[in-house]
Amino acid sequence: MTQPQLLQSQGAQYTRILAVGAARGDLIVPNDDIVGPIDSSDEWIQQRTGIITRTRASQDVLAVDLATTAALEAIERSGIAPELIDAIIIATISNGRQTPSMAAVVAERIGAVPAAAFDLNAACAGYAYGVAQADALIRSGAAHYALVIGAEKLSDMVDPTDRSISFLLGDGAGAVVIGPSDYPGISASVWGSDGRADAVGMNGTLQEYRRGEKEWPTLRQEGQTVFRWAVWDMAKIAKQTLAAAGITPDQLAAFIPHQANMRIVDEFAKQLKLPESVVIARDIATTGNTSAASIPLATHRLLEEHPELSGGLALQIGFGAGLVYGAQVVVLP
């Protein structure tokens, strides 16, 4: 019997980011508003993290609302009709519901049904993971246009008395439309996990909370472990990413790392020996650490402040909870 020959899809040879959208929390929260419960000071937070203020969302504003706003701006700027988007990927750890996925809700809200829609959980590396997946889906022919969103409302997940991470976190969403390109616009991705999954994460489970064994789970981190890992190990990953893209640091226009901590960002730049011509994203100073949303938010701000960067190369790298990481070089829209 002759084996029937299956058809397999084949898509565009290259992809690129077409446009970026953003939404930040509607509340500006200065350090002085949060130092009481952690027995700290504005000076201590600025010295340790570089954060002056962080944006947080009002109680009635959900992560999915931020995601929808960011998505609509990215779509409008891309010039691509929503019904042409056939894959929606949302990186988040703060969807208030286990199901439906945030992506499925956004698909309906923006008029992209019946796009494939799913959430992914890679914490602060989530956006880079989403870009890697969108690139692969388009080049394989499984999608033609993809919407990738990083969306977080981390203020719902913090203990105001916790000194390890609570003062770092903010709320926001960043979105990009990715589509086929005549030239390479997204390099090979370098991604993976470190194996130290307990260095950043929740301090309990919903099951333990339901049984009355623990209080509502909130985020915690081992600060020194994460700092050393981010500075030393992630600098190596960044160098691997440049090599995989065939790029040298002096060819970059911008460096857009996850906005974890200003000290990490600055040390990162030193490790990579970036020339002064490379513009470094420092959105954390006024937005805070927004996990999966931080890279697209920082990209949006960078392009608003430096429109001349459009068309240049940017190294973006995400790293965080679960000690997972993802990075690629992209052409800025």
C-alpha atoms as a PDB file:
ATOM      1  CA  MET A   1       0.000   0.000   0.000  1.00  0.00           C
ATOM      2  CA  THR A   2       1.370   3.388  -0.996  1.00  0.00           C
ATOM      3  CA  GLN A   3       1.765   5.773   1.903  1.00  0.00           C
ATOM      4  CA  PRO A   4      -0.227   8.966   1.203  1.00  0.00           C
ATOM      5  CA  GLN A   5       1.930  12.070   1.135  1.00  0.00           C
ATOM      6  CA  LEU A   6       1.011  14.678   3.688  1.00  0.00           C
ATOM      7  CA  LEU A   7       1.059  18.366   2.947  1.00  0.00           C
ATOM      8  CA  GLN A   8       3.120  20.521   5.307  1.00  0.00           C
ATOM      9  CA  SER A   9       2.888  24.284   5.562  1.00  0.00           C
ATOM     10  CA  GLN A  10       5.693  26.599   4.606  1.00  0.00           C
ATOM     11  CA  GLY A  11       5.688  30.290   5.359  1.00  0.00           C
ATOM     12  CA  ALA A  12       7.727  33.440   4.856  1.00  0.00           C
ATOM     13  CA  GLN A  13      11.497  33.220   4.793  1.00  0.00           C
ATOM     14  CA  TYR A  14      11.918  36.213   7.106  1.00  0.00           C
ATOM     15  CA  THR A  15       9.939  38.031   9.790  1.00  0.00           C
ATOM     16  CA  ARG A  16      10.086  41.376  11.547  1.00  0.00           C
ATOM     17  CA  ILE A  17       8.329  43.494  14.149  1.00  0.00           C
ATOM     18  CA  LEU A  18       5.936  45.852  12.365  1.00  0.00           C
ATOM     19  CA  ALA A  19       4.798  48.055  15.251  1.00  0.00           C
ATOM     20  CA  VAL A  20       4.760  48.445  19.031  1.00  0.00           C
ATOM     21  CA  GLY A  21       1.964  49.452  21.413  1.00  0.00           C
ATOM     22  CA  ALA A  22       1.954  50.133  25.150  1.00  0.00           C
ATOM     23  CA  ALA A  23      -0.283  50.655  28.176  1.00  0.00           C
ATOM     24  CA  ARG A  24       0.947  51.561  31.646  1.00  0.00           C
ATOM     25  CA  GLY A  25      -0.928  51.487  34.914  1.00  0.00           C
ATOM     26  CA  ASP A  26      -2.956  54.642  35.527  1.00  0.00           C
ATOM     27  CA  LEU A  27      -1.406  55.307  38.970  1.00  0.00           C
ATOM     28  CA  ILE A  28       2.067  56.755  39.519  1.00  0.00           C
ATOM     29  CA  VAL A  29       3.385  55.378  42.800  1.00  0.00           C
ATOM     30  CA  PRO A  30       6.493  57.086  44.244  1.00  0.00           C
ATOM     31  CA  ASN A  31       8.824  55.302  46.638  1.00  0.00           C
ATOM     32  CA  ASP A  32       7.559  57.325  49.593  1.00  0.00           C
ATOM     33  CA  ASP A  33       4.129  55.703  49.196  1.00  0.00           C
ATOM     34  CA  ILE A  34       5.425  52.170  49.784  1.00  0.00           C
ATOM     35  CA  VAL A  35       8.401  52.501  52.153  1.00  0.00           C
ATOM     36  CA  GLY A  36       6.403  52.364  55.403  1.00  0.00           C
ATOM     37  CA  PRO A  37       5.419  48.666  55.381  1.00  0.00           C
ATOM     38  CA  ILE A  38       8.971  47.583  54.419  1.00  0.00           C
ATOM     39  CA  ASP A  39      10.687  49.957  56.874  1.00  0.00           C
ATOM     40  CA  SER A  40      12.764  51.509  54.106  1.00  0.00           C
ATOM     41  CA  SER A  41      13.345  54.868  52.406  1.00  0.00           C
ATOM     42  CA  ASP A  42      13.231  56.521  49.012  1.00  0.00           C
ATOM     43  CA  GLU A  43      17.034  56.804  49.112  1.00  0.00           C
ATOM     44  CA  TRP A  44      17.494  53.075  49.811  1.00  0.00           C
ATOM     45  CA  ILE A  45      15.198  52.017  46.949  1.00  0.00           C
ATOM     46  CA  GLN A  46      16.830  54.385  44.462  1.00  0.00           C
ATOM     47  CA  GLN A  47      20.336  53.242  45.431  1.00  0.00           C
ATOM     48  CA  ARG A  48      19.431  49.552  45.277  1.00  0.00           C
ATOM     49  CA  THR A  49      17.209  49.570  42.184  1.00  0.00           C
ATOM     50  CA  GLY A  50      17.232  52.912  40.378  1.00  0.00           C
ATOM     51  CA  ILE A  51      13.444  53.089  40.713  1.00  0.00           C
ATOM     52  CA  ILE A  52      11.975  56.535  41.405  1.00  0.00           C
ATOM     53  CA  THR A  53       8.327  55.709  40.702  1.00  0.00           C
ATOM     54  CA  ARG A  54       6.421  52.736  39.381  1.00  0.00           C
ATOM     55  CA  THR A  55       3.134  52.624  37.468  1.00  0.00           C
ATOM     56  CA  ARG A  56       0.334  50.556  38.966  1.00  0.00           C
ATOM     57  CA  ALA A  57      -3.236  50.007  37.862  1.00  0.00           C
ATOM     58  CA  SER A  58      -6.388  50.883  39.766  1.00  0.00           C
ATOM     59  CA  GLN A  59      -8.332  48.024  41.328  1.00  0.00           C
ATOM     60  CA  ASP A  60     -10.891  47.905  38.508  1.00  0.00           C
ATOM     61  CA  VAL A  61      -8.206  47.792  35.768  1.00  0.00           C
ATOM     62  CA  LEU A  62      -7.161  44.232  34.972  1.00  0.00           C
ATOM     63  CA  ALA A  63      -4.097  42.877  33.185  1.00  0.00           C
ATOM     64  CA  VAL A  64      -6.324  41.906  30.258  1.00  0.00           C
ATOM     65  CA  ASP A  65      -7.489  45.537  29.994  1.00  0.00           C
ATOM     66  CA  LEU A  66      -3.883  46.720  29.743  1.00  0.00           C
ATOM     67  CA  ALA A  67      -3.194  44.005  27.170  1.00  0.00           C
ATOM     68  CA  THR A  68      -6.159  45.099  25.062  1.00  0.00           C
ATOM     69  CA  THR A  69      -5.093  48.767  25.058  1.00  0.00           C
ATOM     70  CA  ALA A  70      -1.505  47.917  24.087  1.00  0.00           C
ATOM     71  CA  ALA A  71      -2.726  45.538  21.364  1.00  0.00           C
ATOM     72  CA  LEU A  72      -5.010  48.126  19.781  1.00  0.00           C
ATOM     73  CA  GLU A  73      -2.186  50.662  19.545  1.00  0.00           C
ATOM     74  CA  ALA A  74       0.211  48.127  18.007  1.00  0.00           C
ATOM     75  CA  ILE A  75      -2.406  47.042  15.454  1.00  0.00           C
ATOM     76  CA  GLU A  76      -3.266  50.619  14.506  1.00  0.00           C
ATOM     77  CA  ARG A  77       0.389  51.502  14.041  1.00  0.00           C
ATOM     78  CA  SER A  78       1.076  48.355  12.022  1.00  0.00           C
ATOM     79  CA  GLY A  79      -1.628  49.074   9.460  1.00  0.00           C
ATOM     80  CA  ILE A  80      -2.638  45.399   9.592  1.00  0.00           C
ATOM     81  CA  ALA A  81      -6.364  44.715   9.911  1.00  0.00           C
ATOM     82  CA  PRO A  82      -7.196  42.767  13.109  1.00  0.00           C
ATOM     83  CA  GLU A  83      -8.917  40.000  11.150  1.00  0.00           C
ATOM     84  CA  LEU A  84      -5.609  39.252   9.393  1.00  0.00           C
ATOM     85  CA  ILE A  85      -3.922  38.392  12.696  1.00  0.00           C
ATOM     86  CA  ASP A  86      -4.097  34.637  13.075  1.00  0.00           C
ATOM     87  CA  ALA A  87      -2.037  34.037  16.219  1.00  0.00           C
ATOM     88  CA  ILE A  88      -2.166  35.863  19.555  1.00  0.00           C
ATOM     89  CA  ILE A  89       0.397  35.037  22.217  1.00  0.00           C
ATOM     90  CA  ILE A  90       0.263  36.691  25.631  1.00  0.00           C
ATOM     91  CA  ALA A  91       3.105  36.323  28.095  1.00  0.00           C
ATOM     92  CA  THR A  92       1.804  36.803  31.626  1.00  0.00           C
ATOM     93  CA  ILE A  93       1.924  35.505  35.170  1.00  0.00           C
ATOM     94  CA  SER A  94      -0.934  37.662  36.395  1.00  0.00           C
ATOM     95  CA  ASN A  95      -4.078  36.506  34.638  1.00  0.00           C
ATOM     96  CA  GLY A  96      -6.703  36.607  37.377  1.00  0.00           C
ATOM     97  CA  ARG A  97      -8.400  33.518  35.963  1.00  0.00           C
ATOM     98  CA  GLN A  98      -6.971  30.095  35.200  1.00  0.00           C
ATOM     99  CA  THR A  99      -9.226  29.998  32.140  1.00  0.00           C
ATOM    100  CA  PRO A 100     -10.139  31.384  29.652  1.00  0.00           C
ATOM    101  CA  SER A 101      -6.711  32.509  28.524  1.00  0.00           C
ATOM    102  CA  MET A 102      -6.063  36.224  28.425  1.00  0.00           C
ATOM    103  CA  ALA A 103      -5.184  35.830  24.748  1.00  0.00           C
ATOM    104  CA  ALA A 104      -8.604  34.372  23.911  1.00  0.00           C
ATOM    105  CA  VAL A 105     -10.326  37.329  25.588  1.00  0.00           C
ATOM    106  CA  VAL A 106      -8.113  39.843  23.759  1.00  0.00           C
ATOM    107  CA  ALA A 107      -8.758  38.090  20.430  1.00  0.00           C
ATOM    108  CA  GLU A 108     -12.495  38.667  20.868  1.00  0.00           C
ATOM    109  CA  ARG A 109     -12.065  42.248  22.065  1.00  0.00           C
ATOM    110  CA  ILE A 110      -9.892  43.358  19.132  1.00  0.00           C
ATOM    111  CA  GLY A 111     -11.825  41.509  16.422  1.00  0.00           C
ATOM    112  CA  ALA A 112      -9.189  38.884  15.641  1.00  0.00           C
ATOM    113  CA  VAL A 113     -11.435  35.805  16.043  1.00  0.00           C
ATOM    114  CA  PRO A 114     -10.788  32.997  14.994  1.00  0.00           C
ATOM    115  CA  ALA A 115      -7.067  33.570  15.610  1.00  0.00           C
ATOM    116  CA  ALA A 116      -5.197  30.912  17.556  1.00  0.00           C
ATOM    117  CA  ALA A 117      -4.841  32.352  21.062  1.00  0.00           C
ATOM    118  CA  PHE A 118      -2.861  31.185  24.066  1.00  0.00           C
ATOM    119  CA  ASP A 119      -1.021  32.440  27.148  1.00  0.00           C
ATOM    120  CA  LEU A 120       2.490  31.440  28.092  1.00  0.00           C
ATOM    121  CA  ASN A 121       4.188  31.577  31.471  1.00  0.00           C
ATOM    122  CA  ALA A 122       7.887  32.308  31.326  1.00  0.00           C
ATOM    123  CA  ALA A 123       7.712  35.292  33.698  1.00  0.00           C
ATOM    124  CA  CYS A 124      10.244  37.995  32.823  1.00  0.00           C
ATOM    125  CA  ALA A 125      11.472  36.021  29.795  1.00  0.00           C
ATOM    126  CA  GLY A 126       7.918  35.593  28.525  1.00  0.00           C
ATOM    127  CA  TYR A 127       7.949  38.315  25.876  1.00  0.00           C
ATOM    128  CA  ALA A 128      11.181  37.014  24.335  1.00  0.00           C
ATOM    129  CA  TYR A 129       9.642  33.522  24.346  1.00  0.00           C
ATOM    130  CA  GLY A 130       6.571  34.912  22.577  1.00  0.00           C
ATOM    131  CA  VAL A 131       8.686  36.601  19.899  1.00  0.00           C
ATOM    132  CA  ALA A 132      10.569  33.336  19.313  1.00  0.00           C
ATOM    133  CA  GLN A 133       7.294  31.449  18.903  1.00  0.00           C
ATOM    134  CA  ALA A 134       5.689  34.055  16.626  1.00  0.00           C
ATOM    135  CA  ASP A 135       8.782  34.075  14.406  1.00  0.00           C
ATOM    136  CA  ALA A 136       8.681  30.272  14.137  1.00  0.00           C
ATOM    137  CA  LEU A 137       4.928  30.151  13.497  1.00  0.00           C
ATOM    138  CA  ILE A 138       5.135  32.658  10.646  1.00  0.00           C
ATOM    139  CA  ARG A 139       8.173  31.080   9.022  1.00  0.00           C
ATOM    140  CA  SER A 140       6.578  27.632   9.239  1.00  0.00           C
ATOM    141  CA  GLY A 141       3.356  28.861   7.646  1.00  0.00           C
ATOM    142  CA  ALA A 142       1.244  28.168  10.746  1.00  0.00           C
ATOM    143  CA  ALA A 143       0.452  31.904  10.954  1.00  0.00           C
ATOM    144  CA  HIS A 144       0.819  34.925   8.709  1.00  0.00           C
ATOM    145  CA  TYR A 145       0.607  37.763  11.224  1.00  0.00           C
ATOM    146  CA  ALA A 146       1.034  37.353  14.980  1.00  0.00           C
ATOM    147  CA  LEU A 147       0.340  39.598  17.946  1.00  0.00           C
ATOM    148  CA  VAL A 148       2.711  39.147  20.896  1.00  0.00           C
ATOM    149  CA  ILE A 149       1.853  40.836  24.190  1.00  0.00           C
ATOM    150  CA  GLY A 150       3.534  40.994  27.569  1.00  0.00           C
ATOM    151  CA  ALA A 151       0.900  41.971  30.145  1.00  0.00           C
ATOM    152  CA  GLU A 152       1.121  42.112  33.924  1.00  0.00           C
ATOM    153  CA  LYS A 153      -0.740  43.445  36.922  1.00  0.00           C
ATOM    154  CA  LEU A 154       1.871  42.516  39.504  1.00  0.00           C
ATOM    155  CA  SER A 155       0.410  44.789  42.165  1.00  0.00           C
ATOM    156  CA  ASP A 156      -2.186  42.027  42.679  1.00  0.00           C
ATOM    157  CA  MET A 157       0.595  39.572  43.518  1.00  0.00           C
ATOM    158  CA  VAL A 158       2.715  41.396  46.087  1.00  0.00           C
ATOM    159  CA  ASP A 159       2.830  41.484  49.852  1.00  0.00           C
ATOM    160  CA  PRO A 160       3.332  45.175  50.734  1.00  0.00           C
ATOM    161  CA  THR A 161       5.440  44.138  53.754  1.00  0.00           C
ATOM    162  CA  ASP A 162       7.869  41.980  51.734  1.00  0.00           C
ATOM    163  CA  ARG A 163      11.338  43.499  51.338  1.00  0.00           C
ATOM    164  CA  SER A 164      12.556  41.034  48.687  1.00  0.00           C
ATOM    165  CA  ILE A 165      10.555  42.115  45.647  1.00  0.00           C
ATOM    166  CA  SER A 166       7.350  44.063  46.407  1.00  0.00           C
ATOM    167  CA  PHE A 167       8.882  47.538  45.970  1.00  0.00           C
ATOM    168  CA  LEU A 168      10.206  46.632  42.506  1.00  0.00           C
ATOM    169  CA  LEU A 169       6.980  45.759  40.760  1.00  0.00           C
ATOM    170  CA  GLY A 170       4.646  47.710  38.508  1.00  0.00           C
ATOM    171  CA  ASP A 171       1.741  47.147  36.109  1.00  0.00           C
ATOM    172  CA  GLY A 172       1.594  47.498  32.327  1.00  0.00           C
ATOM    173  CA  ALA A 173       1.436  45.842  28.930  1.00  0.00           C
ATOM    174  CA  GLY A 174       3.437  46.064  25.735  1.00  0.00           C
ATOM    175  CA  ALA A 175       2.434  44.582  22.381  1.00  0.00           C
ATOM    176  CA  VAL A 176       3.996  44.003  18.971  1.00  0.00           C
ATOM    177  CA  VAL A 177       2.629  42.910  15.627  1.00  0.00           C
ATOM    178  CA  ILE A 178       4.990  40.522  13.841  1.00  0.00           C
ATOM    179  CA  GLY A 179       4.675  39.648  10.176  1.00  0.00           C
ATOM    180  CA  PRO A 180       6.518  38.462   7.064  1.00  0.00           C
ATOM    181  CA  SER A 181       9.472  40.502   5.863  1.00  0.00           C
ATOM    182  CA  ASP A 182      11.668  40.910   2.777  1.00  0.00           C
ATOM    183  CA  TYR A 183      14.747  40.879   5.009  1.00  0.00           C
ATOM    184  CA  PRO A 184      15.767  39.232   8.311  1.00  0.00           C
ATOM    185  CA  GLY A 185      14.171  41.185  11.138  1.00  0.00           C
ATOM    186  CA  ILE A 186      14.360  38.684  14.015  1.00  0.00           C
ATOM    187  CA  SER A 187      17.494  36.664  14.707  1.00  0.00           C
ATOM    188  CA  ALA A 188      17.720  33.124  15.984  1.00  0.00           C
ATOM    189  CA  SER A 189      16.616  33.052  19.617  1.00  0.00           C
ATOM    190  CA  VAL A 190      18.719  31.822  22.504  1.00  0.00           C
ATOM    191  CA  TRP A 191      16.460  30.519  25.255  1.00  0.00           C
ATOM    192  CA  GLY A 192      16.504  28.055  28.092  1.00  0.00           C
ATOM    193  CA  SER A 193      16.257  27.500  31.838  1.00  0.00           C
ATOM    194  CA  ASP A 194      18.809  27.413  34.619  1.00  0.00           C
ATOM    195  CA  GLY A 195      17.364  24.787  36.919  1.00  0.00           C
ATOM    196  CA  ARG A 196      17.132  26.944  40.056  1.00  0.00           C
ATOM    197  CA  ALA A 197      13.375  27.315  39.842  1.00  0.00           C
ATOM    198  CA  ASP A 198      12.904  28.420  43.455  1.00  0.00           C
ATOM    199  CA  ALA A 199      15.020  31.593  43.314  1.00  0.00           C
ATOM    200  CA  VAL A 200      12.035  33.687  42.194  1.00  0.00           C
ATOM    201  CA  GLY A 201       8.434  32.568  42.565  1.00  0.00           C
ATOM    202  CA  MET A 202       5.297  32.319  44.637  1.00  0.00           C
ATOM    203  CA  ASN A 203       5.539  31.500  48.347  1.00  0.00           C
ATOM    204  CA  GLY A 204       2.651  29.048  48.252  1.00  0.00           C
ATOM    205  CA  THR A 205      -0.009  27.392  46.110  1.00  0.00           C
ATOM    206  CA  LEU A 206      -3.689  28.105  45.606  1.00  0.00           C
ATOM    207  CA  GLN A 207      -4.417  24.633  46.972  1.00  0.00           C
ATOM    208  CA  GLU A 208      -2.586  25.430  50.232  1.00  0.00           C
ATOM    209  CA  TYR A 209      -4.504  28.702  50.465  1.00  0.00           C
ATOM    210  CA  ARG A 210      -7.814  26.957  49.860  1.00  0.00           C
ATOM    211  CA  ARG A 211      -7.082  24.453  52.625  1.00  0.00           C
ATOM    212  CA  GLY A 212      -6.218  27.288  55.012  1.00  0.00           C
ATOM    213  CA  GLU A 213      -2.601  26.161  55.327  1.00  0.00           C
ATOM    214  CA  LYS A 214      -1.076  29.365  53.957  1.00  0.00           C
ATOM    215  CA  GLU A 215      -2.052  32.944  53.249  1.00  0.00           C
ATOM    216  CA  TRP A 216      -2.747  34.213  49.733  1.00  0.00           C
ATOM    217  CA  PRO A 217       0.364  33.372  47.603  1.00  0.00           C
ATOM    218  CA  THR A 218       2.583  36.328  46.748  1.00  0.00           C
ATOM    219  CA  LEU A 219       5.870  36.790  44.892  1.00  0.00           C
ATOM    220  CA  ARG A 220       9.224  36.381  46.631  1.00  0.00           C
ATOM    221  CA  GLN A 221      12.834  36.273  45.465  1.00  0.00           C
ATOM    222  CA  GLU A 222      16.335  35.503  46.686  1.00  0.00           C
ATOM    223  CA  GLY A 223      17.779  38.887  45.777  1.00  0.00           C
ATOM    224  CA  GLN A 224      21.507  38.132  45.792  1.00  0.00           C
ATOM    225  CA  THR A 225      21.093  34.847  43.894  1.00  0.00           C
ATOM    226  CA  VAL A 226      19.039  36.537  41.201  1.00  0.00           C
ATOM    227  CA  PHE A 227      21.366  39.545  40.975  1.00  0.00           C
ATOM    228  CA  ARG A 228      24.501  37.421  40.478  1.00  0.00           C
ATOM    229  CA  TRP A 229      22.741  35.159  37.979  1.00  0.00           C
ATOM    230  CA  ALA A 230      21.381  38.084  35.977  1.00  0.00           C
ATOM    231  CA  VAL A 231      24.690  39.953  35.836  1.00  0.00           C
ATOM    232  CA  TRP A 232      27.113  37.113  35.144  1.00  0.00           C
ATOM    233  CA  ASP A 233      25.200  34.256  33.539  1.00  0.00           C
ATOM    234  CA  MET A 234      22.884  36.426  31.448  1.00  0.00           C
ATOM    235  CA  ALA A 235      25.798  38.449  30.090  1.00  0.00           C
ATOM    236  CA  LYS A 236      27.069  35.168  28.627  1.00  0.00           C
ATOM    237  CA  ILE A 237      23.650  34.468  27.102  1.00  0.00           C
ATOM    238  CA  ALA A 238      23.604  37.977  25.610  1.00  0.00           C
ATOM    239  CA  LYS A 239      26.991  37.333  23.995  1.00  0.00           C
ATOM    240  CA  GLN A 240      25.734  34.006  22.628  1.00  0.00           C
ATOM    241  CA  THR A 241      22.739  35.800  21.158  1.00  0.00           C
ATOM    242  CA  LEU A 242      24.925  38.345  19.383  1.00  0.00           C
ATOM    243  CA  ALA A 243      27.034  35.517  17.969  1.00  0.00           C
ATOM    244  CA  ALA A 244      23.930  33.618  16.816  1.00  0.00           C
ATOM    245  CA  ALA A 245      22.741  36.781  15.050  1.00  0.00           C
ATOM    246  CA  GLY A 246      26.151  37.383  13.458  1.00  0.00           C
ATOM    247  CA  ILE A 247      26.304  40.795  15.122  1.00  0.00           C
ATOM    248  CA  THR A 248      28.984  42.587  17.137  1.00  0.00           C
ATOM    249  CA  PRO A 249      28.143  45.031  19.960  1.00  0.00           C
ATOM    250  CA  ASP A 250      29.237  48.053  17.919  1.00  0.00           C
ATOM    251  CA  GLN A 251      26.588  47.208  15.285  1.00  0.00           C
ATOM    252  CA  LEU A 252      23.744  47.580  17.775  1.00  0.00           C
ATOM    253  CA  ALA A 253      21.594  50.698  17.922  1.00  0.00           C
ATOM    254  CA  ALA A 254      19.970  49.754  21.221  1.00  0.00           C
ATOM    255  CA  PHE A 255      20.134  47.359  24.154  1.00  0.00           C
ATOM    256  CA  ILE A 256      16.775  46.473  25.715  1.00  0.00           C
ATOM    257  CA  PRO A 257      17.149  44.120  28.666  1.00  0.00           C
ATOM    258  CA  HIS A 258      14.359  43.097  30.998  1.00  0.00           C
ATOM    259  CA  GLN A 259      13.876  46.018  33.373  1.00  0.00           C
ATOM    260  CA  ALA A 260      14.664  44.113  36.553  1.00  0.00           C
ATOM    261  CA  ASN A 261      16.919  46.548  38.374  1.00  0.00           C
ATOM    262  CA  MET A 262      18.961  49.544  37.196  1.00  0.00           C
ATOM    263  CA  ARG A 263      22.117  48.138  38.762  1.00  0.00           C
ATOM    264  CA  ILE A 264      21.676  44.962  36.714  1.00  0.00           C
ATOM    265  CA  VAL A 265      21.110  46.977  33.526  1.00  0.00           C
ATOM    266  CA  ASP A 266      24.248  49.070  34.093  1.00  0.00           C
ATOM    267  CA  GLU A 267      26.427  46.085  34.982  1.00  0.00           C
ATOM    268  CA  PHE A 268      25.079  44.239  31.957  1.00  0.00           C
ATOM    269  CA  ALA A 269      26.231  47.044  29.676  1.00  0.00           C
ATOM    270  CA  LYS A 270      29.723  46.910  31.210  1.00  0.00           C
ATOM    271  CA  GLN A 271      29.952  43.150  30.760  1.00  0.00           C
ATOM    272  CA  LEU A 272      28.994  43.476  27.093  1.00  0.00           C
ATOM    273  CA  LYS A 273      31.416  46.377  26.563  1.00  0.00           C
ATOM    274  CA  LEU A 274      28.734  48.314  24.719  1.00  0.00           C
ATOM    275  CA  PRO A 275      30.001  51.448  22.962  1.00  0.00           C
ATOM    276  CA  GLU A 276      28.496  54.812  23.918  1.00  0.00           C
ATOM    277  CA  SER A 277      26.599  54.875  20.621  1.00  0.00           C
ATOM    278  CA  VAL A 278      24.280  52.094  21.861  1.00  0.00           C
ATOM    279  CA  VAL A 279      21.156  53.517  23.510  1.00  0.00           C
ATOM    280  CA  ILE A 280      20.281  51.550  26.658  1.00  0.00           C
ATOM    281  CA  ALA A 281      16.675  51.190  27.804  1.00  0.00           C
ATOM    282  CA  ARG A 282      16.161  52.379  31.386  1.00  0.00           C
ATOM    283  CA  ASP A 283      12.385  52.418  31.588  1.00  0.00           C
ATOM    284  CA  ILE A 284      12.542  50.882  35.068  1.00  0.00           C
ATOM    285  CA  ALA A 285      13.225  54.284  36.646  1.00  0.00           C
ATOM    286  CA  THR A 286       9.614  55.421  36.244  1.00  0.00           C
ATOM    287  CA  THR A 287       7.700  52.250  35.328  1.00  0.00           C
ATOM    288  CA  GLY A 288       9.211  49.687  37.695  1.00  0.00           C
ATOM    289  CA  ASN A 289       9.712  46.000  36.983  1.00  0.00           C
ATOM    290  CA  THR A 290       6.740  44.763  34.948  1.00  0.00           C
ATOM    291  CA  SER A 291       8.003  41.215  34.283  1.00  0.00           C
ATOM    292  CA  ALA A 292       6.813  40.015  30.844  1.00  0.00           C
ATOM    293  CA  ALA A 293       5.714  43.533  29.882  1.00  0.00           C
ATOM    294  CA  SER A 294       9.031  45.223  30.574  1.00  0.00           C
ATOM    295  CA  ILE A 295      10.842  44.701  27.249  1.00  0.00           C
ATOM    296  CA  PRO A 296       8.008  45.836  24.953  1.00  0.00           C
ATOM    297  CA  LEU A 297       7.236  48.762  27.283  1.00  0.00           C
ATOM    298  CA  ALA A 298      10.898  49.783  27.261  1.00  0.00           C
ATOM    299  CA  THR A 299      10.992  49.398  23.469  1.00  0.00           C
ATOM    300  CA  HIS A 300       7.940  51.621  23.080  1.00  0.00           C
ATOM    301  CA  ARG A 301       9.431  54.342  25.269  1.00  0.00           C
ATOM    302  CA  LEU A 302      12.819  54.113  23.548  1.00  0.00           C
ATOM    303  CA  LEU A 303      11.235  54.637  20.125  1.00  0.00           C
ATOM    304  CA  GLU A 304       9.091  57.503  21.426  1.00  0.00           C
ATOM    305  CA  GLU A 305      12.170  59.272  22.806  1.00  0.00           C
ATOM    306  CA  HIS A 306      14.576  58.239  20.016  1.00  0.00           C
ATOM    307  CA  PRO A 307      12.624  57.811  16.759  1.00  0.00           C
ATOM    308  CA  GLU A 308      15.943  57.755  14.905  1.00  0.00           C
ATOM    309  CA  LEU A 309      16.485  54.220  16.265  1.00  0.00           C
ATOM    310  CA  SER A 310      13.810  52.879  13.904  1.00  0.00           C
ATOM    311  CA  GLY A 311      15.429  50.432  11.498  1.00  0.00           C
ATOM    312  CA  GLY A 312      18.375  49.834  13.822  1.00  0.00           C
ATOM    313  CA  LEU A 313      19.317  46.618  15.567  1.00  0.00           C
ATOM    314  CA  ALA A 314      18.373  45.984  19.201  1.00  0.00           C
ATOM    315  CA  LEU A 315      19.485  43.190  21.501  1.00  0.00           C
ATOM    316  CA  GLN A 316      16.603  42.220  23.776  1.00  0.00           C
ATOM    317  CA  ILE A 317      16.933  39.740  26.621  1.00  0.00           C
ATOM    318  CA  GLY A 318      14.480  38.598  29.257  1.00  0.00           C
ATOM    319  CA  PHE A 319      15.341  36.656  32.393  1.00  0.00           C
ATOM    320  CA  GLY A 320      13.609  35.849  35.642  1.00  0.00           C
ATOM    321  CA  ALA A 321      11.276  33.624  37.653  1.00  0.00           C
ATOM    322  CA  GLY A 322      12.015  29.937  37.371  1.00  0.00           C
ATOM    323  CA  LEU A 323      15.385  31.253  36.223  1.00  0.00           C
ATOM    324  CA  VAL A 324      14.428  31.067  32.575  1.00  0.00           C
ATOM    325  CA  TYR A 325      15.830  33.281  29.852  1.00  0.00           C
ATOM    326  CA  GLY A 326      15.235  34.251  26.226  1.00  0.00           C
ATOM    327  CA  ALA A 327      16.954  36.648  23.871  1.00  0.00           C
ATOM    328  CA  GLN A 328      17.161  37.709  20.236  1.00  0.00           C
ATOM    329  CA  VAL A 329      18.359  40.594  18.082  1.00  0.00           C
ATOM    330  CA  VAL A 330      15.542  42.448  16.292  1.00  0.00           C
ATOM    331  CA  VAL A 331      15.219  45.245  13.801  1.00  0.00           C
ATOM    332  CA  LEU A 332      13.331  48.051  15.520  1.00  0.00           C
ATOM    333  CA  PRO A 333      10.103  49.062  13.731  1.00  0.00           C
END
